[in-house]
Amino acid sequence: MSTAALTRTGTVLADLLPATTASRARVRDAALVAGGAVLTGLAAQIAVPIPGSPVPVTGQTFAALLVGTALGARRGLLSLALYALAGMAGMPWFAGGASGFASPTFGYIVGMLLASGLVGALARRGGDRGALRTAATMAAGTAVIYALGVPYLALSTGMSLDKAVAVGLVPFLLGDALKAALAMGALPTAWKLAGRRD
């Protein structure tokens, strides 16, 4: 693939994986969707409790945003939908080995599903090609996660919205900034490396 093709919008990193026929493309896409769900489930097991908060720090949100960005909106959304549905059905791969949808943190999972679609759509428009664009893409996805996760946390626990913000958003801002910084380096670098393969 030419460097010009790599830099044009409409392409995400997963599109660079070869598939010479339609059936091979479907197999590739199915493998990517399943792999993204598994990656998110594994990353959710990296969970550090926050004193006074029912929401732990996990690698789950970072994985969900990377999956959406690398796979694109449709595959990213399907991947996180598979992750969410399997977890709701009893697969113990939500944060800390949890499953089901009765958890006060389930709103974050729904937020991750929608965020993966958003960052995937932004990536198709070049949102993962440079450091600043990648940071903006990650910030938009993170905002969607909190927009659903924090109100759900408040409703499911009976705490006020202010309290939910204090325990379900504020303690995670520094970590989210670090995750965005990682993505700012990783995603544009992946595009540069892909361009050098020609």
N, C-alpha and C. Protein backbone atom coordinates (compact mmCIF):
# COMPACT_ATOMS: atom_id res chain seq x y z
N MET A 1 0.85 -1.18 0.00
CA MET A 1 0.00 0.00 0.00
C MET A 1 0.89 1.23 0.00
N SER A 2 0.56 2.23 -0.79
CA SER A 2 1.40 3.41 -0.91
C SER A 2 1.26 4.30 0.31
N THR A 3 2.27 5.16 0.51
CA THR A 3 2.23 6.10 1.62
C THR A 3 1.03 7.03 1.47
N ALA A 4 0.71 7.42 0.26
CA ALA A 4 -0.46 8.28 0.04
C ALA A 4 -1.74 7.59 0.49
N ALA A 5 -1.83 6.30 0.21
CA ALA A 5 -3.03 5.55 0.62
C ALA A 5 -3.11 5.46 2.14
N LEU A 6 -1.95 5.34 2.79
CA LEU A 6 -1.93 5.24 4.24
C LEU A 6 -2.36 6.54 4.91
N THR A 7 -2.02 7.66 4.30
CA THR A 7 -2.30 8.93 4.95
C THR A 7 -3.69 9.46 4.65
N ARG A 8 -4.37 8.92 3.64
CA ARG A 8 -5.71 9.44 3.34
C ARG A 8 -6.69 8.99 4.42
N THR A 9 -7.70 9.78 4.62
CA THR A 9 -8.71 9.42 5.60
C THR A 9 -9.59 8.31 5.02
N GLY A 10 -10.34 7.67 5.89
CA GLY A 10 -11.18 6.57 5.46
C GLY A 10 -10.57 5.22 5.75
N THR A 11 -9.32 5.21 6.19
CA THR A 11 -8.61 3.97 6.50
C THR A 11 -8.26 3.96 7.98
N VAL A 12 -8.43 2.80 8.62
CA VAL A 12 -7.97 2.61 10.00
C VAL A 12 -6.89 1.54 9.98
N LEU A 13 -6.19 1.39 11.09
CA LEU A 13 -5.06 0.46 11.14
C LEU A 13 -5.45 -0.96 10.74
N ALA A 14 -6.62 -1.42 11.17
CA ALA A 14 -7.05 -2.79 10.85
C ALA A 14 -7.21 -3.01 9.35
N ASP A 15 -7.49 -1.94 8.61
CA ASP A 15 -7.65 -2.07 7.16
C ASP A 15 -6.34 -2.42 6.46
N LEU A 16 -5.23 -2.25 7.15
CA LEU A 16 -3.93 -2.55 6.56
C LEU A 16 -3.62 -4.04 6.55
N LEU A 17 -4.41 -4.81 7.32
CA LEU A 17 -4.23 -6.27 7.31
C LEU A 17 -4.81 -6.83 6.02
N PRO A 18 -4.03 -7.60 5.29
CA PRO A 18 -4.48 -8.03 3.97
C PRO A 18 -5.64 -9.03 4.01
N ALA A 19 -6.52 -8.89 3.05
CA ALA A 19 -7.62 -9.83 2.84
C ALA A 19 -7.94 -9.79 1.36
N THR A 20 -7.55 -10.83 0.63
CA THR A 20 -7.63 -10.80 -0.83
C THR A 20 -9.01 -11.11 -1.38
N THR A 21 -9.88 -11.70 -0.56
CA THR A 21 -11.24 -12.01 -1.01
C THR A 21 -12.23 -11.54 0.03
N ALA A 22 -13.49 -11.47 -0.36
CA ALA A 22 -14.53 -11.03 0.58
C ALA A 22 -14.66 -12.00 1.74
N SER A 23 -14.54 -13.30 1.47
CA SER A 23 -14.67 -14.27 2.57
C SER A 23 -13.50 -14.16 3.54
N ARG A 24 -12.31 -13.91 3.02
CA ARG A 24 -11.15 -13.72 3.91
C ARG A 24 -11.29 -12.43 4.71
N ALA A 25 -11.87 -11.42 4.11
CA ALA A 25 -12.11 -10.16 4.84
C ALA A 25 -13.08 -10.38 5.99
N ARG A 26 -14.11 -11.22 5.76
CA ARG A 26 -15.06 -11.51 6.83
C ARG A 26 -14.40 -12.29 7.96
N VAL A 27 -13.54 -13.25 7.61
CA VAL A 27 -12.81 -14.01 8.64
C VAL A 27 -11.89 -13.08 9.41
N ARG A 28 -11.17 -12.21 8.70
CA ARG A 28 -10.28 -11.24 9.34
C ARG A 28 -11.06 -10.36 10.30
N ASP A 29 -12.20 -9.84 9.84
CA ASP A 29 -12.99 -8.95 10.67
C ASP A 29 -13.54 -9.66 11.90
N ALA A 30 -13.99 -10.90 11.73
CA ALA A 30 -14.50 -11.67 12.88
C ALA A 30 -13.39 -11.90 13.90
N ALA A 31 -12.19 -12.21 13.42
CA ALA A 31 -11.06 -12.41 14.33
C ALA A 31 -10.70 -11.12 15.05
N LEU A 32 -10.74 -10.00 14.35
CA LEU A 32 -10.44 -8.71 14.96
C LEU A 32 -11.49 -8.35 16.02
N VAL A 33 -12.75 -8.58 15.72
CA VAL A 33 -13.83 -8.29 16.67
C VAL A 33 -13.66 -9.13 17.94
N ALA A 34 -13.43 -10.44 17.75
CA ALA A 34 -13.25 -11.32 18.91
C ALA A 34 -11.99 -10.94 19.68
N GLY A 35 -10.91 -10.67 18.96
CA GLY A 35 -9.66 -10.29 19.61
C GLY A 35 -9.79 -9.01 20.40
N GLY A 36 -10.53 -8.04 19.87
CA GLY A 36 -10.74 -6.79 20.61
C GLY A 36 -11.53 -7.01 21.88
N ALA A 37 -12.52 -7.90 21.84
CA ALA A 37 -13.30 -8.21 23.04
C ALA A 37 -12.43 -8.88 24.08
N VAL A 38 -11.59 -9.83 23.64
CA VAL A 38 -10.71 -10.54 24.57
C VAL A 38 -9.68 -9.56 25.18
N LEU A 39 -9.12 -8.70 24.35
CA LEU A 39 -8.16 -7.71 24.85
C LEU A 39 -8.80 -6.83 25.92
N THR A 40 -10.01 -6.39 25.67
CA THR A 40 -10.70 -5.54 26.65
C THR A 40 -10.96 -6.32 27.94
N GLY A 41 -11.38 -7.59 27.81
CA GLY A 41 -11.61 -8.41 28.99
C GLY A 41 -10.35 -8.66 29.79
N LEU A 42 -9.24 -8.88 29.11
CA LEU A 42 -7.96 -9.08 29.81
C LEU A 42 -7.52 -7.79 30.49
N ALA A 43 -7.67 -6.67 29.78
CA ALA A 43 -7.26 -5.38 30.36
C ALA A 43 -8.11 -5.01 31.58
N ALA A 44 -9.35 -5.49 31.61
CA ALA A 44 -10.23 -5.21 32.76
C ALA A 44 -9.75 -5.90 34.02
N GLN A 45 -8.93 -6.93 33.86
CA GLN A 45 -8.44 -7.65 35.03
C GLN A 45 -7.29 -6.90 35.73
N ILE A 46 -6.77 -5.89 35.06
CA ILE A 46 -5.80 -5.00 35.70
C ILE A 46 -6.64 -3.97 36.44
N ALA A 47 -6.96 -4.25 37.68
CA ALA A 47 -7.89 -3.41 38.44
C ALA A 47 -7.28 -3.03 39.78
N VAL A 48 -7.22 -1.73 40.03
CA VAL A 48 -6.68 -1.21 41.29
C VAL A 48 -7.80 -0.46 41.99
N PRO A 49 -8.21 -0.93 43.20
CA PRO A 49 -9.30 -0.25 43.91
C PRO A 49 -8.92 1.18 44.30
N ILE A 50 -9.91 2.06 44.29
CA ILE A 50 -9.75 3.44 44.75
C ILE A 50 -10.49 3.55 46.07
N PRO A 51 -9.81 3.91 47.16
CA PRO A 51 -10.50 4.03 48.45
C PRO A 51 -11.69 5.00 48.36
N GLY A 52 -12.84 4.54 48.83
CA GLY A 52 -14.04 5.36 48.85
C GLY A 52 -14.82 5.37 47.54
N SER A 53 -14.35 4.62 46.54
CA SER A 53 -15.04 4.60 45.25
C SER A 53 -15.36 3.17 44.85
N PRO A 54 -16.56 2.91 44.33
CA PRO A 54 -16.87 1.57 43.82
C PRO A 54 -16.27 1.33 42.43
N VAL A 55 -15.61 2.33 41.87
CA VAL A 55 -15.05 2.23 40.52
C VAL A 55 -13.53 2.07 40.63
N PRO A 56 -12.97 0.94 40.18
CA PRO A 56 -11.52 0.77 40.23
C PRO A 56 -10.84 1.39 39.01
N VAL A 57 -9.55 1.61 39.13
CA VAL A 57 -8.73 1.99 37.98
C VAL A 57 -8.44 0.70 37.23
N THR A 58 -8.72 0.68 35.93
CA THR A 58 -8.48 -0.53 35.13
C THR A 58 -7.82 -0.16 33.81
N GLY A 59 -7.37 -1.18 33.10
CA GLY A 59 -6.88 -0.98 31.74
C GLY A 59 -8.00 -1.10 30.72
N GLN A 60 -9.20 -1.35 31.19
CA GLN A 60 -10.37 -1.62 30.35
C GLN A 60 -10.72 -0.45 29.43
N THR A 61 -10.77 0.76 29.97
CA THR A 61 -11.16 1.91 29.14
C THR A 61 -10.12 2.18 28.05
N PHE A 62 -8.85 2.06 28.41
CA PHE A 62 -7.79 2.29 27.43
C PHE A 62 -7.89 1.25 26.31
N ALA A 63 -8.11 -0.01 26.68
CA ALA A 63 -8.25 -1.06 25.67
C ALA A 63 -9.44 -0.80 24.77
N ALA A 64 -10.57 -0.40 25.35
CA ALA A 64 -11.78 -0.15 24.56
C ALA A 64 -11.55 0.98 23.56
N LEU A 65 -10.86 2.03 23.97
CA LEU A 65 -10.59 3.14 23.06
C LEU A 65 -9.59 2.74 21.98
N LEU A 66 -8.58 1.96 22.34
CA LEU A 66 -7.63 1.50 21.33
C LEU A 66 -8.30 0.56 20.33
N VAL A 67 -9.15 -0.32 20.82
CA VAL A 67 -9.87 -1.24 19.94
C VAL A 67 -10.72 -0.44 18.93
N GLY A 68 -11.47 0.53 19.42
CA GLY A 68 -12.30 1.32 18.53
C GLY A 68 -11.48 2.09 17.51
N THR A 69 -10.37 2.68 17.96
CA THR A 69 -9.54 3.47 17.06
C THR A 69 -8.87 2.59 16.01
N ALA A 70 -8.34 1.46 16.42
CA ALA A 70 -7.62 0.58 15.50
C ALA A 70 -8.55 -0.16 14.54
N LEU A 71 -9.75 -0.53 15.00
CA LEU A 71 -10.65 -1.34 14.18
C LEU A 71 -11.64 -0.52 13.37
N GLY A 72 -11.89 0.71 13.76
CA GLY A 72 -12.92 1.50 13.10
C GLY A 72 -14.25 1.36 13.81
N ALA A 73 -15.19 2.21 13.45
CA ALA A 73 -16.45 2.29 14.19
C ALA A 73 -17.23 0.97 14.20
N ARG A 74 -17.45 0.37 13.05
CA ARG A 74 -18.30 -0.82 12.99
C ARG A 74 -17.67 -1.99 13.74
N ARG A 75 -16.42 -2.31 13.43
CA ARG A 75 -15.77 -3.44 14.11
C ARG A 75 -15.54 -3.14 15.58
N GLY A 76 -15.19 -1.89 15.90
CA GLY A 76 -14.99 -1.53 17.30
C GLY A 76 -16.26 -1.66 18.11
N LEU A 77 -17.36 -1.17 17.55
CA LEU A 77 -18.66 -1.28 18.22
C LEU A 77 -19.05 -2.75 18.40
N LEU A 78 -18.87 -3.56 17.37
CA LEU A 78 -19.17 -4.99 17.47
C LEU A 78 -18.30 -5.68 18.52
N SER A 79 -17.04 -5.29 18.57
CA SER A 79 -16.11 -5.89 19.53
C SER A 79 -16.53 -5.59 20.96
N LEU A 80 -16.86 -4.33 21.23
CA LEU A 80 -17.28 -3.97 22.59
C LEU A 80 -18.67 -4.49 22.90
N ALA A 81 -19.52 -4.64 21.88
CA ALA A 81 -20.82 -5.26 22.10
C ALA A 81 -20.64 -6.73 22.50
N LEU A 82 -19.73 -7.43 21.82
CA LEU A 82 -19.44 -8.82 22.17
C LEU A 82 -18.91 -8.90 23.60
N TYR A 83 -18.00 -8.00 23.94
CA TYR A 83 -17.46 -7.95 25.31
C TYR A 83 -18.58 -7.74 26.33
N ALA A 84 -19.46 -6.76 26.08
CA ALA A 84 -20.53 -6.46 27.02
C ALA A 84 -21.54 -7.60 27.12
N LEU A 85 -21.95 -8.17 25.97
CA LEU A 85 -22.94 -9.25 25.99
C LEU A 85 -22.41 -10.49 26.68
N ALA A 86 -21.14 -10.84 26.41
CA ALA A 86 -20.55 -12.00 27.07
C ALA A 86 -20.46 -11.78 28.57
N GLY A 87 -20.09 -10.58 28.98
CA GLY A 87 -20.03 -10.27 30.41
C GLY A 87 -21.40 -10.29 31.07
N MET A 88 -22.40 -9.79 30.37
CA MET A 88 -23.77 -9.83 30.91
C MET A 88 -24.27 -11.27 31.03
N ALA A 89 -23.79 -12.13 30.12
CA ALA A 89 -24.22 -13.53 30.14
C ALA A 89 -23.47 -14.36 31.19
N GLY A 90 -22.50 -13.77 31.87
CA GLY A 90 -21.81 -14.47 32.95
C GLY A 90 -20.31 -14.66 32.77
N MET A 91 -19.76 -14.26 31.64
CA MET A 91 -18.31 -14.35 31.45
C MET A 91 -17.64 -13.40 32.46
N PRO A 92 -16.76 -13.91 33.32
CA PRO A 92 -16.21 -13.06 34.38
C PRO A 92 -15.05 -12.19 33.90
N TRP A 93 -15.33 -11.28 32.97
CA TRP A 93 -14.23 -10.47 32.45
C TRP A 93 -14.50 -8.97 32.50
N PHE A 94 -15.48 -8.55 33.31
CA PHE A 94 -15.57 -7.15 33.65
C PHE A 94 -14.50 -6.88 34.72
N ALA A 95 -14.38 -5.65 35.15
CA ALA A 95 -13.31 -5.27 36.10
C ALA A 95 -13.29 -6.20 37.30
N GLY A 96 -12.10 -6.73 37.58
CA GLY A 96 -11.92 -7.59 38.74
C GLY A 96 -12.61 -8.93 38.64
N GLY A 97 -12.94 -9.40 37.45
CA GLY A 97 -13.58 -10.70 37.28
C GLY A 97 -15.09 -10.69 37.50
N ALA A 98 -15.69 -9.51 37.48
CA ALA A 98 -17.14 -9.41 37.67
C ALA A 98 -17.87 -9.75 36.37
N SER A 99 -19.17 -9.97 36.47
CA SER A 99 -20.02 -10.19 35.30
C SER A 99 -21.43 -9.71 35.64
N GLY A 100 -22.32 -9.75 34.66
CA GLY A 100 -23.70 -9.31 34.88
C GLY A 100 -23.86 -7.82 34.64
N PHE A 101 -25.07 -7.32 34.86
CA PHE A 101 -25.31 -5.90 34.63
C PHE A 101 -25.86 -5.21 35.87
N ALA A 102 -25.77 -5.86 37.03
CA ALA A 102 -26.27 -5.26 38.27
C ALA A 102 -25.23 -4.37 38.93
N SER A 103 -24.01 -4.37 38.42
CA SER A 103 -22.93 -3.58 39.02
C SER A 103 -23.18 -2.09 38.85
N PRO A 104 -22.80 -1.28 39.86
CA PRO A 104 -22.94 0.18 39.69
C PRO A 104 -22.01 0.76 38.62
N THR A 105 -21.07 -0.05 38.14
CA THR A 105 -20.14 0.43 37.10
C THR A 105 -20.57 0.00 35.70
N PHE A 106 -21.75 -0.61 35.57
CA PHE A 106 -22.18 -1.08 34.25
C PHE A 106 -22.36 0.07 33.25
N GLY A 107 -22.69 1.26 33.72
CA GLY A 107 -22.83 2.41 32.83
C GLY A 107 -21.53 2.73 32.11
N TYR A 108 -20.41 2.48 32.75
CA TYR A 108 -19.12 2.71 32.10
C TYR A 108 -18.93 1.73 30.93
N ILE A 109 -19.41 0.51 31.09
CA ILE A 109 -19.29 -0.48 30.03
C ILE A 109 -20.12 -0.07 28.82
N VAL A 110 -21.35 0.40 29.07
CA VAL A 110 -22.18 0.90 27.97
C VAL A 110 -21.49 2.11 27.33
N GLY A 111 -20.91 2.96 28.15
CA GLY A 111 -20.18 4.11 27.63
C GLY A 111 -19.00 3.70 26.77
N MET A 112 -18.28 2.65 27.18
CA MET A 112 -17.15 2.15 26.38
C MET A 112 -17.62 1.64 25.03
N LEU A 113 -18.75 0.99 25.01
CA LEU A 113 -19.29 0.48 23.75
C LEU A 113 -19.54 1.63 22.78
N LEU A 114 -20.23 2.66 23.24
CA LEU A 114 -20.51 3.82 22.38
C LEU A 114 -19.23 4.59 22.05
N ALA A 115 -18.33 4.70 23.01
CA ALA A 115 -17.07 5.42 22.78
C ALA A 115 -16.23 4.73 21.72
N SER A 116 -16.25 3.39 21.70
CA SER A 116 -15.46 2.68 20.69
C SER A 116 -15.96 3.01 19.28
N GLY A 117 -17.27 3.14 19.15
CA GLY A 117 -17.82 3.54 17.85
C GLY A 117 -17.43 4.96 17.48
N LEU A 118 -17.47 5.86 18.46
CA LEU A 118 -17.11 7.26 18.20
C LEU A 118 -15.64 7.40 17.80
N VAL A 119 -14.73 6.80 18.59
CA VAL A 119 -13.31 6.97 18.26
C VAL A 119 -12.97 6.27 16.96
N GLY A 120 -13.69 5.18 16.65
CA GLY A 120 -13.48 4.51 15.37
C GLY A 120 -13.87 5.39 14.20
N ALA A 121 -15.00 6.10 14.36
CA ALA A 121 -15.44 7.03 13.31
C ALA A 121 -14.45 8.18 13.17
N LEU A 122 -13.94 8.69 14.29
CA LEU A 122 -12.96 9.77 14.24
C LEU A 122 -11.65 9.29 13.61
N ALA A 123 -11.26 8.05 13.90
CA ALA A 123 -10.04 7.51 13.30
C ALA A 123 -10.16 7.42 11.79
N ARG A 124 -11.33 7.08 11.29
CA ARG A 124 -11.54 7.03 9.83
C ARG A 124 -11.41 8.41 9.20
N ARG A 125 -11.53 9.44 10.01
CA ARG A 125 -11.37 10.81 9.52
C ARG A 125 -9.98 11.36 9.87
N GLY A 126 -9.06 10.48 10.21
CA GLY A 126 -7.68 10.89 10.49
C GLY A 126 -7.43 11.27 11.93
N GLY A 127 -8.33 10.92 12.84
CA GLY A 127 -8.19 11.30 14.24
C GLY A 127 -7.11 10.57 15.01
N ASP A 128 -6.40 9.65 14.37
CA ASP A 128 -5.32 8.92 15.04
C ASP A 128 -3.98 9.11 14.33
N ARG A 129 -3.88 10.12 13.46
CA ARG A 129 -2.68 10.28 12.63
C ARG A 129 -1.62 11.17 13.25
N GLY A 130 -1.98 12.06 14.12
CA GLY A 130 -1.01 12.94 14.77
C GLY A 130 -1.27 12.98 16.26
N ALA A 131 -0.30 13.47 17.02
CA ALA A 131 -0.40 13.46 18.48
C ALA A 131 -1.59 14.27 18.98
N LEU A 132 -1.77 15.47 18.48
CA LEU A 132 -2.87 16.31 18.98
C LEU A 132 -4.23 15.77 18.56
N ARG A 133 -4.34 15.28 17.33
CA ARG A 133 -5.61 14.69 16.89
C ARG A 133 -5.93 13.43 17.68
N THR A 134 -4.89 12.64 17.98
CA THR A 134 -5.11 11.44 18.78
C THR A 134 -5.57 11.80 20.18
N ALA A 135 -4.96 12.82 20.78
CA ALA A 135 -5.38 13.27 22.11
C ALA A 135 -6.83 13.71 22.11
N ALA A 136 -7.24 14.45 21.07
CA ALA A 136 -8.63 14.90 20.98
C ALA A 136 -9.58 13.72 20.80
N THR A 137 -9.18 12.73 20.00
CA THR A 137 -10.00 11.53 19.80
C THR A 137 -10.18 10.77 21.10
N MET A 138 -9.09 10.58 21.85
CA MET A 138 -9.17 9.87 23.13
C MET A 138 -10.01 10.66 24.13
N ALA A 139 -9.87 11.99 24.13
CA ALA A 139 -10.66 12.82 25.05
C ALA A 139 -12.15 12.71 24.74
N ALA A 140 -12.51 12.69 23.46
CA ALA A 140 -13.92 12.56 23.08
C ALA A 140 -14.47 11.22 23.53
N GLY A 141 -13.71 10.14 23.32
CA GLY A 141 -14.16 8.83 23.75
C GLY A 141 -14.30 8.73 25.25
N THR A 142 -13.33 9.29 25.97
CA THR A 142 -13.37 9.27 27.43
C THR A 142 -14.58 10.04 27.95
N ALA A 143 -14.89 11.17 27.31
CA ALA A 143 -16.05 11.96 27.72
C ALA A 143 -17.35 11.16 27.59
N VAL A 144 -17.46 10.37 26.53
CA VAL A 144 -18.66 9.54 26.35
C VAL A 144 -18.75 8.50 27.47
N ILE A 145 -17.63 7.90 27.81
CA ILE A 145 -17.63 6.89 28.88
C ILE A 145 -18.13 7.49 30.19
N TYR A 146 -17.62 8.66 30.55
CA TYR A 146 -18.05 9.29 31.80
C TYR A 146 -19.48 9.82 31.70
N ALA A 147 -19.89 10.29 30.53
CA ALA A 147 -21.24 10.83 30.38
C ALA A 147 -22.30 9.77 30.68
N LEU A 148 -21.98 8.50 30.43
CA LEU A 148 -22.91 7.42 30.76
C LEU A 148 -22.57 6.78 32.10
N GLY A 149 -21.30 6.63 32.39
CA GLY A 149 -20.89 5.92 33.60
C GLY A 149 -21.24 6.65 34.88
N VAL A 150 -21.00 7.95 34.93
CA VAL A 150 -21.22 8.70 36.17
C VAL A 150 -22.70 8.79 36.54
N PRO A 151 -23.60 9.17 35.62
CA PRO A 151 -25.02 9.19 36.00
C PRO A 151 -25.56 7.80 36.40
N TYR A 152 -25.10 6.74 35.69
CA TYR A 152 -25.53 5.39 36.05
C TYR A 152 -25.05 5.04 37.46
N LEU A 153 -23.82 5.43 37.78
CA LEU A 153 -23.27 5.20 39.11
C LEU A 153 -24.14 5.89 40.16
N ALA A 154 -24.53 7.14 39.89
CA ALA A 154 -25.37 7.88 40.83
C ALA A 154 -26.73 7.20 41.01
N LEU A 155 -27.36 6.82 39.90
CA LEU A 155 -28.69 6.20 39.97
C LEU A 155 -28.65 4.84 40.66
N SER A 156 -27.63 4.05 40.36
CA SER A 156 -27.59 2.68 40.89
C SER A 156 -27.19 2.63 42.36
N THR A 157 -26.52 3.65 42.85
CA THR A 157 -26.09 3.65 44.25
C THR A 157 -26.91 4.59 45.12
N GLY A 158 -27.69 5.50 44.50
CA GLY A 158 -28.46 6.46 45.27
C GLY A 158 -27.65 7.67 45.72
N MET A 159 -26.41 7.77 45.26
CA MET A 159 -25.62 8.94 45.65
C MET A 159 -25.98 10.12 44.76
N SER A 160 -25.65 11.31 45.23
CA SER A 160 -25.92 12.50 44.43
C SER A 160 -24.99 12.53 43.21
N LEU A 161 -25.38 13.32 42.22
CA LEU A 161 -24.53 13.43 41.02
C LEU A 161 -23.18 14.04 41.38
N ASP A 162 -23.17 15.01 42.29
CA ASP A 162 -21.91 15.61 42.72
C ASP A 162 -20.99 14.56 43.35
N LYS A 163 -21.57 13.71 44.19
CA LYS A 163 -20.78 12.65 44.83
C LYS A 163 -20.29 11.65 43.78
N ALA A 164 -21.16 11.30 42.81
CA ALA A 164 -20.75 10.37 41.76
C ALA A 164 -19.60 10.94 40.94
N VAL A 165 -19.63 12.24 40.67
CA VAL A 165 -18.52 12.88 39.97
C VAL A 165 -17.26 12.80 40.81
N ALA A 166 -17.40 13.03 42.12
CA ALA A 166 -16.24 13.03 43.01
C ALA A 166 -15.58 11.66 43.11
N VAL A 167 -16.38 10.58 43.08
CA VAL A 167 -15.79 9.25 43.24
C VAL A 167 -15.68 8.47 41.94
N GLY A 168 -16.42 8.91 40.90
CA GLY A 168 -16.45 8.15 39.66
C GLY A 168 -15.82 8.85 38.48
N LEU A 169 -15.29 10.07 38.68
CA LEU A 169 -14.64 10.79 37.59
C LEU A 169 -13.34 11.43 38.04
N VAL A 170 -13.39 12.26 39.07
CA VAL A 170 -12.23 13.04 39.49
C VAL A 170 -10.99 12.18 39.78
N PRO A 171 -11.11 11.04 40.48
CA PRO A 171 -9.90 10.26 40.78
C PRO A 171 -9.21 9.67 39.54
N PHE A 172 -9.90 9.71 38.40
CA PHE A 172 -9.38 9.03 37.21
C PHE A 172 -8.80 9.99 36.17
N LEU A 173 -8.89 11.29 36.42
CA LEU A 173 -8.46 12.26 35.42
C LEU A 173 -6.97 12.18 35.11
N LEU A 174 -6.14 12.02 36.12
CA LEU A 174 -4.70 11.91 35.89
C LEU A 174 -4.38 10.66 35.08
N GLY A 175 -4.98 9.54 35.46
CA GLY A 175 -4.76 8.29 34.71
C GLY A 175 -5.23 8.41 33.27
N ASP A 176 -6.35 9.10 33.06
CA ASP A 176 -6.84 9.28 31.69
C ASP A 176 -5.88 10.13 30.88
N ALA A 177 -5.27 11.12 31.52
CA ALA A 177 -4.28 11.94 30.82
C ALA A 177 -3.07 11.10 30.43
N LEU A 178 -2.65 10.19 31.31
CA LEU A 178 -1.52 9.31 30.99
C LEU A 178 -1.87 8.35 29.86
N LYS A 179 -3.08 7.82 29.86
CA LYS A 179 -3.52 6.92 28.78
C LYS A 179 -3.56 7.67 27.45
N ALA A 180 -4.03 8.92 27.48
CA ALA A 180 -4.06 9.72 26.26
C ALA A 180 -2.64 9.96 25.75
N ALA A 181 -1.71 10.19 26.67
CA ALA A 181 -0.32 10.40 26.27
C ALA A 181 0.26 9.14 25.63
N LEU A 182 -0.07 7.98 26.17
CA LEU A 182 0.38 6.72 25.56
C LEU A 182 -0.18 6.57 24.15
N ALA A 183 -1.46 6.85 24.01
CA ALA A 183 -2.09 6.75 22.69
C ALA A 183 -1.49 7.76 21.72
N MET A 184 -1.16 8.96 22.21
CA MET A 184 -0.57 10.00 21.36
C MET A 184 0.75 9.54 20.76
N GLY A 185 1.46 8.69 21.50
CA GLY A 185 2.71 8.15 20.96
C GLY A 185 2.50 6.90 20.13
N ALA A 186 1.63 6.01 20.60
CA ALA A 186 1.49 4.69 19.97
C ALA A 186 0.80 4.73 18.61
N LEU A 187 -0.32 5.42 18.50
CA LEU A 187 -1.09 5.36 17.26
C LEU A 187 -0.41 6.07 16.09
N PRO A 188 0.06 7.31 16.24
CA PRO A 188 0.78 7.92 15.12
C PRO A 188 2.05 7.15 14.74
N THR A 189 2.71 6.55 15.74
CA THR A 189 3.90 5.74 15.46
C THR A 189 3.54 4.51 14.64
N ALA A 190 2.41 3.88 14.96
CA ALA A 190 1.97 2.71 14.19
C ALA A 190 1.74 3.09 12.73
N TRP A 191 1.15 4.26 12.48
CA TRP A 191 0.96 4.71 11.10
C TRP A 191 2.28 4.96 10.40
N LYS A 192 3.23 5.54 11.11
CA LYS A 192 4.55 5.79 10.51
C LYS A 192 5.24 4.47 10.16
N LEU A 193 5.17 3.51 11.07
CA LEU A 193 5.78 2.20 10.81
C LEU A 193 5.11 1.50 9.64
N ALA A 194 3.80 1.62 9.54
CA ALA A 194 3.09 1.01 8.42
C ALA A 194 3.52 1.64 7.10
N GLY A 195 3.78 2.94 7.10
CA GLY A 195 4.23 3.61 5.90
C GLY A 195 5.61 3.20 5.48
N ARG A 196 6.44 2.78 6.42
CA ARG A 196 7.82 2.39 6.10
C ARG A 196 7.92 0.98 5.57
N ARG A 197 6.82 0.21 5.62
CA ARG A 197 6.88 -1.17 5.12
C ARG A 197 6.91 -1.22 3.60
N ASP A 198 6.53 -0.13 2.94
CA ASP A 198 6.44 -0.13 1.47
C ASP A 198 7.80 -0.30 0.82
